[in-house]
PDB file of N, CA and C in Angstrom:
ATOM      1  N   MET A   1      38.116   3.529  -8.579  1.00  0.00           N
ATOM      2  CA  MET A   1      37.781   3.612  -7.007  1.00  0.00           C
ATOM      3  C   MET A   1      36.234   3.304  -6.797  1.00  0.00           C
ATOM      4  N   TYR A   2      36.012   2.410  -5.874  1.00  0.00           N
ATOM      5  CA  TYR A   2      34.998   1.478  -5.793  1.00  0.00           C
ATOM      6  C   TYR A   2      34.135   1.837  -4.205  1.00  0.00           C
ATOM      7  N   LEU A   3      32.757   1.849  -4.358  1.00  0.00           N
ATOM      8  CA  LEU A   3      31.966   1.886  -3.093  1.00  0.00           C
ATOM      9  C   LEU A   3      31.351   0.698  -3.262  1.00  0.00           C
ATOM     10  N   LEU A   4      31.534   0.393  -2.101  1.00  0.00           N
ATOM     11  CA  LEU A   4      30.859  -0.958  -1.798  1.00  0.00           C
ATOM     12  C   LEU A   4      29.291  -0.908  -1.386  1.00  0.00           C
ATOM     13  N   ASP A   5      28.673  -1.970  -1.799  1.00  0.00           N
ATOM     14  CA  ASP A   5      27.411  -1.736  -1.378  1.00  0.00           C
ATOM     15  C   ASP A   5      27.175  -2.440  -0.034  1.00  0.00           C
ATOM     16  N   THR A   6      26.145  -2.427   0.651  1.00  0.00           N
ATOM     17  CA  THR A   6      25.915  -3.224   2.053  1.00  0.00           C
ATOM     18  C   THR A   6      26.226  -4.888   1.978  1.00  0.00           C
ATOM     19  N   CYS A   7      25.631  -5.398   1.261  1.00  0.00           N
ATOM     20  CA  CYS A   7      25.718  -6.705   0.792  1.00  0.00           C
ATOM     21  C   CYS A   7      26.810  -6.998   0.764  1.00  0.00           C
ATOM     22  N   THR A   8      27.625  -6.358  -0.233  1.00  0.00           N
ATOM     23  CA  THR A   8      28.945  -6.418  -0.997  1.00  0.00           C
ATOM     24  C   THR A   8      29.709  -6.575   0.378  1.00  0.00           C
ATOM     25  N   PHE A   9      29.536  -5.572   1.570  1.00  0.00           N
ATOM     26  CA  PHE A   9      30.221  -5.556   2.425  1.00  0.00           C
ATOM     27  C   PHE A   9      30.087  -6.800   3.426  1.00  0.00           C
ATOM     28  N   ILE A  10      29.144  -6.763   3.820  1.00  0.00           N
ATOM     29  CA  ILE A  10      28.758  -8.081   4.636  1.00  0.00           C
ATOM     30  C   ILE A  10      29.541  -9.054   4.287  1.00  0.00           C
ATOM     31  N   TRP A  11      28.980  -9.477   2.746  1.00  0.00           N
ATOM     32  CA  TRP A  11      29.767 -10.777   2.193  1.00  0.00           C
ATOM     33  C   TRP A  11      31.333 -10.675   2.438  1.00  0.00           C
ATOM     34  N   TYR A  12      31.854  -9.780   2.414  1.00  0.00           N
ATOM     35  CA  TYR A  12      33.120  -9.541   2.558  1.00  0.00           C
ATOM     36  C   TYR A  12      33.468  -9.819   3.676  1.00  0.00           C
ATOM     37  N   LEU A  13      32.895  -9.337   4.768  1.00  0.00           N
ATOM     38  CA  LEU A  13      33.149  -9.670   6.184  1.00  0.00           C
ATOM     39  C   LEU A  13      32.639 -10.904   6.767  1.00  0.00           C
ATOM     40  N   GLU A  14      31.967 -12.159   5.972  1.00  0.00           N
ATOM     41  CA  GLU A  14      31.763 -13.260   6.039  1.00  0.00           C
ATOM     42  C   GLU A  14      32.319 -14.252   5.526  1.00  0.00           C
ATOM     43  N   ASP A  15      33.220 -13.360   4.423  1.00  0.00           N
ATOM     44  CA  ASP A  15      33.919 -14.265   3.031  1.00  0.00           C
ATOM     45  C   ASP A  15      32.647 -15.273   2.293  1.00  0.00           C
ATOM     46  N   SER A  16      31.961 -14.609   2.375  1.00  0.00           N
ATOM     47  CA  SER A  16      30.796 -15.343   1.888  1.00  0.00           C
ATOM     48  C   SER A  16      30.899 -15.656   0.203  1.00  0.00           C
ATOM     49  N   PRO A  17      30.672 -17.009  -0.324  1.00  0.00           N
ATOM     50  CA  PRO A  17      30.688 -17.190  -1.734  1.00  0.00           C
ATOM     51  C   PRO A  17      29.628 -16.486  -2.549  1.00  0.00           C
ATOM     52  N   GLN A  18      28.942 -15.664  -1.827  1.00  0.00           N
ATOM     53  CA  GLN A  18      28.169 -14.583  -2.732  1.00  0.00           C
ATOM     54  C   GLN A  18      28.619 -13.787  -3.235  1.00  0.00           C
ATOM     55  N   LEU A  19      29.730 -13.493  -2.701  1.00  0.00           N
ATOM     56  CA  LEU A  19      30.657 -12.378  -3.330  1.00  0.00           C
ATOM     57  C   LEU A  19      31.329 -13.083  -5.052  1.00  0.00           C
ATOM     58  N   SER A  20      31.224 -12.363  -5.852  1.00  0.00           N
ATOM     59  CA  SER A  20      31.356 -12.620  -6.782  1.00  0.00           C
ATOM     60  C   SER A  20      32.840 -12.735  -6.999  1.00  0.00           C
ATOM     61  N   HIS A  21      33.745 -13.502  -7.875  1.00  0.00           N
ATOM     62  CA  HIS A  21      34.514 -13.383  -7.989  1.00  0.00           C
ATOM     63  C   HIS A  21      35.443 -12.102  -8.266  1.00  0.00           C
ATOM     64  N   LYS A  22      34.944 -11.381  -9.556  1.00  0.00           N
ATOM     65  CA  LYS A  22      34.823  -9.771  -9.819  1.00  0.00           C
ATOM     66  C   LYS A  22      35.071  -9.195  -8.309  1.00  0.00           C
ATOM     67  N   ALA A  23      34.322  -9.339  -7.894  1.00  0.00           N
ATOM     68  CA  ALA A  23      34.457  -8.422  -6.645  1.00  0.00           C
ATOM     69  C   ALA A  23      35.027  -8.628  -5.547  1.00  0.00           C
ATOM     70  N   ARG A  24      35.556  -9.830  -5.399  1.00  0.00           N
ATOM     71  CA  ARG A  24      36.360 -10.242  -4.551  1.00  0.00           C
ATOM     72  C   ARG A  24      37.805  -9.783  -4.711  1.00  0.00           C
ATOM     73  N   GLU A  25      37.857 -10.107  -6.350  1.00  0.00           N
ATOM     74  CA  GLU A  25      39.349  -9.476  -7.103  1.00  0.00           C
ATOM     75  C   GLU A  25      39.536  -8.249  -6.682  1.00  0.00           C
ATOM     76  N   ILE A  26      38.169  -7.317  -7.207  1.00  0.00           N
ATOM     77  CA  ILE A  26      38.264  -5.509  -6.613  1.00  0.00           C
ATOM     78  C   ILE A  26      38.886  -5.495  -5.495  1.00  0.00           C
ATOM     79  N   ILE A  27      38.141  -5.996  -4.364  1.00  0.00           N
ATOM     80  CA  ILE A  27      38.177  -6.013  -3.248  1.00  0.00           C
ATOM     81  C   ILE A  27      39.757  -6.219  -2.471  1.00  0.00           C
ATOM     82  N   ARG A  28      40.508  -7.169  -3.031  1.00  0.00           N
ATOM     83  CA  ARG A  28      41.709  -7.596  -2.745  1.00  0.00           C
ATOM     84  C   ARG A  28      42.774  -6.508  -3.115  1.00  0.00           C
ATOM     85  N   ASP A  29      42.488  -6.083  -4.397  1.00  0.00           N
ATOM     86  CA  ASP A  29      43.383  -5.506  -5.114  1.00  0.00           C
ATOM     87  C   ASP A  29      43.435  -4.373  -4.926  1.00  0.00           C
ATOM     88  N   GLU A  30      41.959  -3.288  -5.006  1.00  0.00           N
ATOM     89  CA  GLU A  30      42.393  -2.328  -4.992  1.00  0.00           C
ATOM     90  C   GLU A  30      42.608  -0.950  -4.256  1.00  0.00           C
ATOM     91  N   ARG A  31      43.084  -0.171  -4.232  1.00  0.00           N
ATOM     92  CA  ARG A  31      43.933   0.415  -3.222  1.00  0.00           C
ATOM     93  C   ARG A  31      43.018   1.415  -2.671  1.00  0.00           C
ATOM     94  N   GLN A  32      41.900   2.012  -3.308  1.00  0.00           N
ATOM     95  CA  GLN A  32      40.981   2.915  -3.057  1.00  0.00           C
ATOM     96  C   GLN A  32      39.162   2.328  -2.861  1.00  0.00           C
ATOM     97  N   LEU A  33      38.921   1.701  -1.593  1.00  0.00           N
ATOM     98  CA  LEU A  33      37.901   1.225  -1.242  1.00  0.00           C
ATOM     99  C   LEU A  33      37.332   2.179  -0.461  1.00  0.00           C
ATOM    100  N   PHE A  34      35.691   2.458  -0.377  1.00  0.00           N
ATOM    101  CA  PHE A  34      35.027   2.837   0.103  1.00  0.00           C
ATOM    102  C   PHE A  34      33.665   2.457   0.474  1.00  0.00           C
ATOM    103  N   LEU A  35      33.244   2.822   1.700  1.00  0.00           N
ATOM    104  CA  LEU A  35      32.297   2.451   2.566  1.00  0.00           C
ATOM    105  C   LEU A  35      31.525   3.874   2.694  1.00  0.00           C
ATOM    106  N   SER A  36      30.176   3.853   2.617  1.00  0.00           N
ATOM    107  CA  SER A  36      29.316   4.689   3.287  1.00  0.00           C
ATOM    108  C   SER A  36      28.900   4.775   4.285  1.00  0.00           C
ATOM    109  N   LEU A  37      28.698   5.499   5.328  1.00  0.00           N
ATOM    110  CA  LEU A  37      28.462   5.819   6.252  1.00  0.00           C
ATOM    111  C   LEU A  37      26.514   5.089   6.636  1.00  0.00           C
ATOM    112  N   THR A  38      26.253   5.350   5.428  1.00  0.00           N
ATOM    113  CA  THR A  38      24.976   4.860   4.996  1.00  0.00           C
ATOM    114  C   THR A  38      24.860   3.239   5.089  1.00  0.00           C
ATOM    115  N   THR A  39      26.047   2.795   4.788  1.00  0.00           N
ATOM    116  CA  THR A  39      25.896   1.284   5.258  1.00  0.00           C
ATOM    117  C   THR A  39      25.736   0.826   6.681  1.00  0.00           C
ATOM    118  N   LEU A  40      26.747   1.420   7.273  1.00  0.00           N
ATOM    119  CA  LEU A  40      26.960   1.159   8.740  1.00  0.00           C
ATOM    120  C   LEU A  40      25.375   1.454   9.290  1.00  0.00           C
ATOM    121  N   TRP A  41      24.479   2.730   8.969  1.00  0.00           N
ATOM    122  CA  TRP A  41      23.459   3.174   9.649  1.00  0.00           C
ATOM    123  C   TRP A  41      22.249   1.821   8.886  1.00  0.00           C
ATOM    124  N   GLU A  42      22.388   1.336   7.826  1.00  0.00           N
ATOM    125  CA  GLU A  42      21.659   0.054   7.678  1.00  0.00           C
ATOM    126  C   GLU A  42      21.691  -0.773   8.151  1.00  0.00           C
ATOM    127  N   ILE A  43      23.071  -1.391   8.409  1.00  0.00           N
ATOM    128  CA  ILE A  43      23.578  -2.540   9.182  1.00  0.00           C
ATOM    129  C   ILE A  43      22.736  -2.465  10.843  1.00  0.00           C
ATOM    130  N   ALA A  44      23.269  -1.304  11.355  1.00  0.00           N
ATOM    131  CA  ALA A  44      22.452  -0.983  12.669  1.00  0.00           C
ATOM    132  C   ALA A  44      21.151  -0.760  12.429  1.00  0.00           C
ATOM    133  N   ILE A  45      20.656  -0.793  11.577  1.00  0.00           N
ATOM    134  CA  ILE A  45      18.704  -0.815  11.518  1.00  0.00           C
ATOM    135  C   ILE A  45      18.090  -2.578  11.728  1.00  0.00           C
ATOM    136  N   LYS A  46      19.194  -3.155  10.774  1.00  0.00           N
ATOM    137  CA  LYS A  46      18.403  -4.346  10.395  1.00  0.00           C
ATOM    138  C   LYS A  46      19.333  -5.258  11.813  1.00  0.00           C
ATOM    139  N   LYS A  47      20.272  -4.942  12.383  1.00  0.00           N
ATOM    140  CA  LYS A  47      20.404  -5.935  13.304  1.00  0.00           C
ATOM    141  C   LYS A  47      19.466  -5.424  14.393  1.00  0.00           C
ATOM    142  N   THR A  48      19.040  -4.129  14.758  1.00  0.00           N
ATOM    143  CA  THR A  48      18.113  -3.608  15.923  1.00  0.00           C
ATOM    144  C   THR A  48      16.837  -4.577  15.371  1.00  0.00           C
ATOM    145  N   ILE A  49      16.523  -4.691  14.323  1.00  0.00           N
ATOM    146  CA  ILE A  49      15.243  -5.578  14.223  1.00  0.00           C
ATOM    147  C   ILE A  49      15.172  -6.700  13.389  1.00  0.00           C
ATOM    148  N   HIS A  50      16.326  -7.166  13.719  1.00  0.00           N
ATOM    149  CA  HIS A  50      16.472  -8.567  14.059  1.00  0.00           C
ATOM    150  C   HIS A  50      16.594  -9.624  12.265  1.00  0.00           C
ATOM    151  N   LYS A  51      16.856  -8.325  11.337  1.00  0.00           N
ATOM    152  CA  LYS A  51      17.139  -8.918   9.767  1.00  0.00           C
ATOM    153  C   LYS A  51      18.426  -9.531   9.582  1.00  0.00           C
ATOM    154  N   LEU A  52      19.399  -8.790  10.465  1.00  0.00           N
ATOM    155  CA  LEU A  52      20.478  -9.358  10.017  1.00  0.00           C
ATOM    156  C   LEU A  52      21.070  -9.724  11.404  1.00  0.00           C
ATOM    157  N   ASP A  53      21.891 -10.934  11.281  1.00  0.00           N
ATOM    158  CA  ASP A  53      22.355 -11.679  12.312  1.00  0.00           C
ATOM    159  C   ASP A  53      24.141 -10.888  12.175  1.00  0.00           C
ATOM    160  N   LEU A  54      25.021 -10.438  12.618  1.00  0.00           N
ATOM    161  CA  LEU A  54      26.002  -9.915  12.414  1.00  0.00           C
ATOM    162  C   LEU A  54      26.556  -9.620  13.769  1.00  0.00           C
ATOM    163  N   LYS A  55      27.482 -10.458  14.203  1.00  0.00           N
ATOM    164  CA  LYS A  55      28.470 -10.314  15.124  1.00  0.00           C
ATOM    165  C   LYS A  55      29.078  -9.061  15.610  1.00  0.00           C
ATOM    166  N   GLU A  56      29.282  -8.376  14.445  1.00  0.00           N
ATOM    167  CA  GLU A  56      30.178  -7.054  14.855  1.00  0.00           C
ATOM    168  C   GLU A  56      29.676  -6.308  15.520  1.00  0.00           C
ATOM    169  N   SER A  57      29.917  -5.420  15.955  1.00  0.00           N
ATOM    170  CA  SER A  57      29.349  -3.837  16.697  1.00  0.00           C
ATOM    171  C   SER A  57      29.511  -2.809  15.671  1.00  0.00           C
ATOM    172  N   THR A  58      28.825  -2.043  15.403  1.00  0.00           N
ATOM    173  CA  THR A  58      29.303  -0.737  14.364  1.00  0.00           C
ATOM    174  C   THR A  58      30.688  -0.166  14.862  1.00  0.00           C
ATOM    175  N   ALA A  59      31.135  -0.227  15.976  1.00  0.00           N
ATOM    176  CA  ALA A  59      32.408   0.605  16.166  1.00  0.00           C
ATOM    177  C   ALA A  59      33.749  -0.939  15.636  1.00  0.00           C
ATOM    178  N   ASP A  60      32.901  -2.111  15.728  1.00  0.00           N
ATOM    179  CA  ASP A  60      33.797  -3.424  15.260  1.00  0.00           C
ATOM    180  C   ASP A  60      34.139  -2.720  13.859  1.00  0.00           C
ATOM    181  N   LEU A  61      32.793  -2.506  13.490  1.00  0.00           N
ATOM    182  CA  LEU A  61      32.689  -2.682  11.776  1.00  0.00           C
ATOM    183  C   LEU A  61      33.803  -1.487  11.059  1.00  0.00           C
ATOM    184  N   VAL A  62      34.020  -0.278  12.119  1.00  0.00           N
ATOM    185  CA  VAL A  62      34.538   1.236  11.587  1.00  0.00           C
ATOM    186  C   VAL A  62      36.042   0.451  11.797  1.00  0.00           C
ATOM    187  N   LYS A  63      36.352  -0.283  13.153  1.00  0.00           N
ATOM    188  CA  LYS A  63      38.005  -0.986  13.286  1.00  0.00           C
ATOM    189  C   LYS A  63      38.501  -1.632  12.067  1.00  0.00           C
ATOM    190  N   ILE A  64      37.451  -2.635  11.643  1.00  0.00           N
ATOM    191  CA  ILE A  64      37.728  -3.312  10.400  1.00  0.00           C
ATOM    192  C   ILE A  64      38.203  -2.600   8.850  1.00  0.00           C
ATOM    193  N   CYS A  65      37.378  -1.323   9.076  1.00  0.00           N
ATOM    194  CA  CYS A  65      37.332  -0.861   7.752  1.00  0.00           C
ATOM    195  C   CYS A  65      38.780   0.084   7.752  1.00  0.00           C
ATOM    196  N   GLU A  66      39.028   0.587   8.454  1.00  0.00           N
ATOM    197  CA  GLU A  66      40.639   1.572   9.120  1.00  0.00           C
ATOM    198  C   GLU A  66      41.700   0.172   9.043  1.00  0.00           C
ATOM    199  N   GLU A  67      41.594  -1.160   9.739  1.00  0.00           N
ATOM    200  CA  GLU A  67      42.731  -2.293   9.401  1.00  0.00           C
ATOM    201  C   GLU A  67      42.466  -2.359   8.283  1.00  0.00           C
ATOM    202  N   ASP A  68      41.350  -2.779   7.285  1.00  0.00           N
ATOM    203  CA  ASP A  68      41.507  -2.640   5.770  1.00  0.00           C
ATOM    204  C   ASP A  68      41.862  -1.766   4.727  1.00  0.00           C
ATOM    205  N   GLY A  69      41.566  -0.615   5.052  1.00  0.00           N
ATOM    206  CA  GLY A  69      41.974   0.326   4.349  1.00  0.00           C
ATOM    207  C   GLY A  69      40.862   0.841   3.503  1.00  0.00           C
ATOM    208  N   ILE A  70      39.819   0.391   3.895  1.00  0.00           N
ATOM    209  CA  ILE A  70      38.439   1.366   3.243  1.00  0.00           C
ATOM    210  C   ILE A  70      38.044   2.559   4.079  1.00  0.00           C
ATOM    211  N   VAL A  71      38.063   3.635   3.094  1.00  0.00           N
ATOM    212  CA  VAL A  71      37.814   4.951   3.826  1.00  0.00           C
ATOM    213  C   VAL A  71      36.567   4.990   3.874  1.00  0.00           C
ATOM    214  N   LEU A  72      35.599   5.601   4.726  1.00  0.00           N
ATOM    215  CA  LEU A  72      34.340   5.478   5.714  1.00  0.00           C
ATOM    216  C   LEU A  72      34.203   7.284   4.901  1.00  0.00           C
ATOM    217  N   LEU A  73      33.140   7.186   4.034  1.00  0.00           N
ATOM    218  CA  LEU A  73      32.651   8.353   3.345  1.00  0.00           C
ATOM    219  C   LEU A  73      31.425   8.748   4.021  1.00  0.00           C
ATOM    220  N   PRO A  74      31.119  10.282   4.731  1.00  0.00           N
ATOM    221  CA  PRO A  74      30.371  10.437   5.617  1.00  0.00           C
ATOM    222  C   PRO A  74      28.571  10.856   4.570  1.00  0.00           C
ATOM    223  N   ILE A  75      27.832  11.297   5.109  1.00  0.00           N
ATOM    224  CA  ILE A  75      26.536  11.773   4.471  1.00  0.00           C
ATOM    225  C   ILE A  75      26.591  12.895   4.097  1.00  0.00           C
ATOM    226  N   GLU A  76      26.275  13.554   3.160  1.00  0.00           N
ATOM    227  CA  GLU A  76      26.414  14.796   2.797  1.00  0.00           C
ATOM    228  C   GLU A  76      25.283  15.220   2.099  1.00  0.00           C
ATOM    229  N   SER A  77      24.913  16.440   2.478  1.00  0.00           N
ATOM    230  CA  SER A  77      23.684  17.235   2.425  1.00  0.00           C
ATOM    231  C   SER A  77      23.303  17.080   0.547  1.00  0.00           C
ATOM    232  N   ARG A  78      24.494  17.151   0.020  1.00  0.00           N
ATOM    233  CA  ARG A  78      24.518  17.346  -1.628  1.00  0.00           C
ATOM    234  C   ARG A  78      24.013  15.886  -2.056  1.00  0.00           C
ATOM    235  N   TYR A  79      24.152  15.205  -1.696  1.00  0.00           N
ATOM    236  CA  TYR A  79      23.349  13.900  -2.007  1.00  0.00           C
ATOM    237  C   TYR A  79      21.987  13.822  -2.220  1.00  0.00           C
ATOM    238  N   PHE A  80      20.997  14.677  -1.058  1.00  0.00           N
ATOM    239  CA  PHE A  80      19.775  14.712  -1.204  1.00  0.00           C
ATOM    240  C   PHE A  80      19.120  15.285  -2.458  1.00  0.00           C
ATOM    241  N   ASP A  81      20.079  15.985  -2.949  1.00  0.00           N
ATOM    242  CA  ASP A  81      19.401  16.975  -4.511  1.00  0.00           C
ATOM    243  C   ASP A  81      19.878  15.871  -5.586  1.00  0.00           C
ATOM    244  N   THR A  82      20.903  14.829  -5.463  1.00  0.00           N
ATOM    245  CA  THR A  82      20.956  13.898  -6.336  1.00  0.00           C
ATOM    246  C   THR A  82      19.954  13.190  -6.223  1.00  0.00           C
ATOM    247  N   ILE A  83      19.404  12.852  -5.246  1.00  0.00           N
ATOM    248  CA  ILE A  83      18.603  11.413  -4.997  1.00  0.00           C
ATOM    249  C   ILE A  83      17.254  12.210  -5.811  1.00  0.00           C
ATOM    250  N   GLN A  84      17.018  13.474  -5.688  1.00  0.00           N
ATOM    251  CA  GLN A  84      15.552  13.948  -6.255  1.00  0.00           C
ATOM    252  C   GLN A  84      15.571  13.426  -7.800  1.00  0.00           C
ATOM    253  N   THR A  85      17.012  13.714  -8.244  1.00  0.00           N
ATOM    254  CA  THR A  85      16.837  13.768  -9.777  1.00  0.00           C
ATOM    255  C   THR A  85      17.263  12.516 -10.389  1.00  0.00           C
ATOM    256  N   LEU A  86      16.862  11.092  -9.494  1.00  0.00           N
ATOM    257  CA  LEU A  86      17.038   9.659  -9.881  1.00  0.00           C
ATOM    258  C   LEU A  86      15.465   9.028 -10.516  1.00  0.00           C
ATOM    259  N   PRO A  87      15.707   8.246 -11.317  1.00  0.00           N
ATOM    260  CA  PRO A  87      14.205   7.914 -11.648  1.00  0.00           C
ATOM    261  C   PRO A  87      14.267   7.298 -10.448  1.00  0.00           C
ATOM    262  N   TYR A  88      12.960   6.466 -10.127  1.00  0.00           N
ATOM    263  CA  TYR A  88      12.290   6.253  -8.735  1.00  0.00           C
ATOM    264  C   TYR A  88      11.951   4.338  -9.484  1.00  0.00           C
ATOM    265  N   ILE A  89      13.335   3.733  -9.528  1.00  0.00           N
ATOM    266  CA  ILE A  89      13.522   2.840  -9.933  1.00  0.00           C
ATOM    267  C   ILE A  89      13.512   1.505  -8.606  1.00  0.00           C
ATOM    268  N   HIS A  90      14.153   2.321  -7.826  1.00  0.00           N
ATOM    269  CA  HIS A  90      14.569   1.449  -6.456  1.00  0.00           C
ATOM    270  C   HIS A  90      13.770   2.043  -5.796  1.00  0.00           C
ATOM    271  N   GLY A  91      13.063   1.593  -4.947  1.00  0.00           N
ATOM    272  CA  GLY A  91      12.324   2.240  -3.162  1.00  0.00           C
ATOM    273  C   GLY A  91      13.189   2.569  -1.992  1.00  0.00           C
ATOM    274  N   ASP A  92      14.212   1.393  -2.091  1.00  0.00           N
ATOM    275  CA  ASP A  92      14.783   1.221  -0.584  1.00  0.00           C
ATOM    276  C   ASP A  92      15.422   2.468  -0.694  1.00  0.00           C
ATOM    277  N   PRO A  93      15.499   3.599   0.480  1.00  0.00           N
ATOM    278  CA  PRO A  93      16.178   4.715   0.713  1.00  0.00           C
ATOM    279  C   PRO A  93      18.081   4.844   0.907  1.00  0.00           C
ATOM    280  N   PHE A  94      18.338   3.766   1.590  1.00  0.00           N
ATOM    281  CA  PHE A  94      19.435   3.589   1.859  1.00  0.00           C
ATOM    282  C   PHE A  94      20.318   3.411   0.503  1.00  0.00           C
ATOM    283  N   ASP A  95      19.738   2.292  -0.702  1.00  0.00           N
ATOM    284  CA  ASP A  95      20.102   2.178  -1.868  1.00  0.00           C
ATOM    285  C   ASP A  95      20.360   3.238  -2.712  1.00  0.00           C
ATOM    286  N   ARG A  96      19.100   4.426  -2.760  1.00  0.00           N
ATOM    287  CA  ARG A  96      19.048   5.339  -3.604  1.00  0.00           C
ATOM    288  C   ARG A  96      20.110   6.541  -2.863  1.00  0.00           C
ATOM    289  N   LEU A  97      20.454   6.359  -1.589  1.00  0.00           N
ATOM    290  CA  LEU A  97      21.503   7.237  -0.865  1.00  0.00           C
ATOM    291  C   LEU A  97      22.953   6.802  -1.580  1.00  0.00           C
ATOM    292  N   LEU A  98      23.305   5.687  -1.347  1.00  0.00           N
ATOM    293  CA  LEU A  98      24.231   5.031  -2.091  1.00  0.00           C
ATOM    294  C   LEU A  98      24.475   4.983  -3.605  1.00  0.00           C
ATOM    295  N   ILE A  99      23.511   5.168  -4.252  1.00  0.00           N
ATOM    296  CA  ILE A  99      23.535   5.521  -5.682  1.00  0.00           C
ATOM    297  C   ILE A  99      23.866   7.067  -5.725  1.00  0.00           C
ATOM    298  N   ALA A 100      23.508   7.774  -5.100  1.00  0.00           N
ATOM    299  CA  ALA A 100      23.521   9.082  -5.005  1.00  0.00           C
ATOM    300  C   ALA A 100      25.134   9.363  -4.338  1.00  0.00           C
ATOM    301  N   THR A 101      25.461   8.695  -3.671  1.00  0.00           N
ATOM    302  CA  THR A 101      27.110   9.043  -3.090  1.00  0.00           C
ATOM    303  C   THR A 101      27.763   8.502  -3.996  1.00  0.00           C
ATOM    304  N   ALA A 102      27.551   7.507  -4.756  1.00  0.00           N
ATOM    305  CA  ALA A 102      28.301   6.992  -5.972  1.00  0.00           C
ATOM    306  C   ALA A 102      28.614   7.653  -7.502  1.00  0.00           C
ATOM    307  N   LEU A 103      27.327   8.444  -7.190  1.00  0.00           N
ATOM    308  CA  LEU A 103      27.306   9.605  -8.302  1.00  0.00           C
ATOM    309  C   LEU A 103      27.976  10.767  -8.096  1.00  0.00           C
ATOM    310  N   ASP A 104      28.201  10.819  -6.905  1.00  0.00           N
ATOM    311  CA  ASP A 104      28.768  12.601  -6.498  1.00  0.00           C
ATOM    312  C   ASP A 104      29.855  12.327  -6.398  1.00  0.00           C
ATOM    313  N   ASN A 105      30.762  11.538  -5.836  1.00  0.00           N
ATOM    314  CA  ASN A 105      31.761  11.362  -5.511  1.00  0.00           C
ATOM    315  C   ASN A 105      32.594  10.249  -7.176  1.00  0.00           C
ATOM    316  N   ASN A 106      32.120  10.209  -8.154  1.00  0.00           N
ATOM    317  CA  ASN A 106      32.734   9.589  -9.109  1.00  0.00           C
ATOM    318  C   ASN A 106      33.214   7.995  -8.837  1.00  0.00           C
ATOM    319  N   LEU A 107      32.234   7.702  -8.189  1.00  0.00           N
ATOM    320  CA  LEU A 107      32.732   6.061  -7.664  1.00  0.00           C
ATOM    321  C   LEU A 107      31.855   5.022  -8.324  1.00  0.00           C
ATOM    322  N   THR A 108      32.599   3.861  -8.649  1.00  0.00           N
ATOM    323  CA  THR A 108      32.160   2.745  -9.032  1.00  0.00           C
ATOM    324  C   THR A 108      31.254   2.036  -7.813  1.00  0.00           C
ATOM    325  N   LEU A 109      30.153   1.307  -8.373  1.00  0.00           N
ATOM    326  CA  LEU A 109      28.940   1.086  -7.131  1.00  0.00           C
ATOM    327  C   LEU A 109      29.826  -0.787  -7.015  1.00  0.00           C
ATOM    328  N   LEU A 110      30.017  -1.138  -6.123  1.00  0.00           N
ATOM    329  CA  LEU A 110      30.161  -2.521  -6.455  1.00  0.00           C
ATOM    330  C   LEU A 110      29.074  -3.127  -5.683  1.00  0.00           C
ATOM    331  N   THR A 111      28.486  -3.763  -6.865  1.00  0.00           N
ATOM    332  CA  THR A 111      26.936  -4.409  -5.983  1.00  0.00           C
ATOM    333  C   THR A 111      26.243  -5.421  -6.958  1.00  0.00           C
ATOM    334  N   ASP A 112      25.394  -6.187  -6.317  1.00  0.00           N
ATOM    335  CA  ASP A 112      24.959  -7.095  -7.075  1.00  0.00           C
ATOM    336  C   ASP A 112      23.144  -7.192  -6.980  1.00  0.00           C
ATOM    337  N   ASP A 113      22.660  -6.075  -6.752  1.00  0.00           N
ATOM    338  CA  ASP A 113      21.526  -5.556  -6.444  1.00  0.00           C
ATOM    339  C   ASP A 113      20.913  -5.126  -7.962  1.00  0.00           C
ATOM    340  N   ARG A 114      20.191  -6.191  -7.985  1.00  0.00           N
ATOM    341  CA  ARG A 114      19.404  -6.378  -9.594  1.00  0.00           C
ATOM    342  C   ARG A 114      18.506  -4.679  -9.998  1.00  0.00           C
ATOM    343  N   ASN A 115      18.273  -4.349  -8.912  1.00  0.00           N
ATOM    344  CA  ASN A 115      17.220  -2.826  -9.410  1.00  0.00           C
ATOM    345  C   ASN A 115      18.321  -1.847  -9.279  1.00  0.00           C
ATOM    346  N   ILE A 116      19.591  -1.764  -8.731  1.00  0.00           N
ATOM    347  CA  ILE A 116      20.453  -1.031  -8.753  1.00  0.00           C
ATOM    348  C   ILE A 116      21.109  -0.864  -9.908  1.00  0.00           C
ATOM    349  N   GLN A 117      21.065  -1.843 -10.192  1.00  0.00           N
ATOM    350  CA  GLN A 117      21.729  -2.393 -12.071  1.00  0.00           C
ATOM    351  C   GLN A 117      20.920  -1.385 -12.941  1.00  0.00           C
ATOM    352  N   LYS A 118      20.217  -1.381 -12.740  1.00  0.00           N
ATOM    353  CA  LYS A 118      18.675  -0.601 -13.717  1.00  0.00           C
ATOM    354  C   LYS A 118      18.954   0.757 -14.212  1.00  0.00           C
ATOM    355  N   TYR A 119      19.983   1.593 -12.763  1.00  0.00           N
ATOM    356  CA  TYR A 119      20.281   2.528 -13.193  1.00  0.00           C
ATOM    357  C   TYR A 119      21.572   2.463 -14.074  1.00  0.00           C
ATOM    358  N   THR A 120      21.298   3.486 -15.056  1.00  0.00           N
ATOM    359  CA  THR A 120      22.148   3.556 -16.098  1.00  0.00           C
ATOM    360  C   THR A 120      23.147   4.676 -15.893  1.00  0.00           C
ATOM    361  N   GLU A 121      22.824   5.730 -14.708  1.00  0.00           N
ATOM    362  CA  GLU A 121      23.377   6.994 -14.124  1.00  0.00           C
ATOM    363  C   GLU A 121      24.801   6.310 -14.258  1.00  0.00           C
ATOM    364  N   ILE A 122      25.203   5.695 -13.098  1.00  0.00           N
ATOM    365  CA  ILE A 122      26.221   5.050 -12.482  1.00  0.00           C
ATOM    366  C   ILE A 122      26.973   3.959 -12.963  1.00  0.00           C
ATOM    367  N   LYS A 123      28.510   3.912 -12.926  1.00  0.00           N
ATOM    368  CA  LYS A 123      28.983   2.920 -13.110  1.00  0.00           C
ATOM    369  C   LYS A 123      29.312   2.011 -11.946  1.00  0.00           C
ATOM    370  N   GLN A 124      28.893   0.879 -12.120  1.00  0.00           N
ATOM    371  CA  GLN A 124      28.707  -0.406 -11.629  1.00  0.00           C
ATOM    372  C   GLN A 124      29.305  -2.090 -12.356  1.00  0.00           C
ATOM    373  N   VAL A 125      29.944  -2.640 -10.929  1.00  0.00           N
ATOM    374  CA  VAL A 125      30.165  -3.710 -11.038  1.00  0.00           C
ATOM    375  C   VAL A 125      29.718  -5.020 -10.421  1.00  0.00           C
ATOM    376  N   TRP A 126      29.889  -6.064 -10.824  1.00  0.00           N
ATOM    377  CA  TRP A 126      29.606  -7.212 -10.260  1.00  0.00           C
ATOM    378  C   TRP A 126      30.273  -8.350 -11.051  1.00  0.00           C
TER     379      TRP A 126
END
């Protein structure tokens, strides 16, 4: 079971060559893919401040997830306790929330983020 990080999800949507072969294979073959609402929140903010040019609306992204069998995970209050136990390697609040989500749900995080990859607490693949 895999949790897609924000870049992974965007690259999947765009069929980007930045998506690793292994990540592409997992997304294609895996039956249990998850996306945190954290990712949709981050995308909405980045679109608002013009740091991301993605044509799909949040509603479109939700529909794509439904059609592609990607399960949306809510943001749970228990994740905040987990965040507080993480070493402060990565300062990005969205990424720290994704790490906590992966940990608390026993998911492998599909990410190419080198800062996230420094966390030995979580399972990750790229």
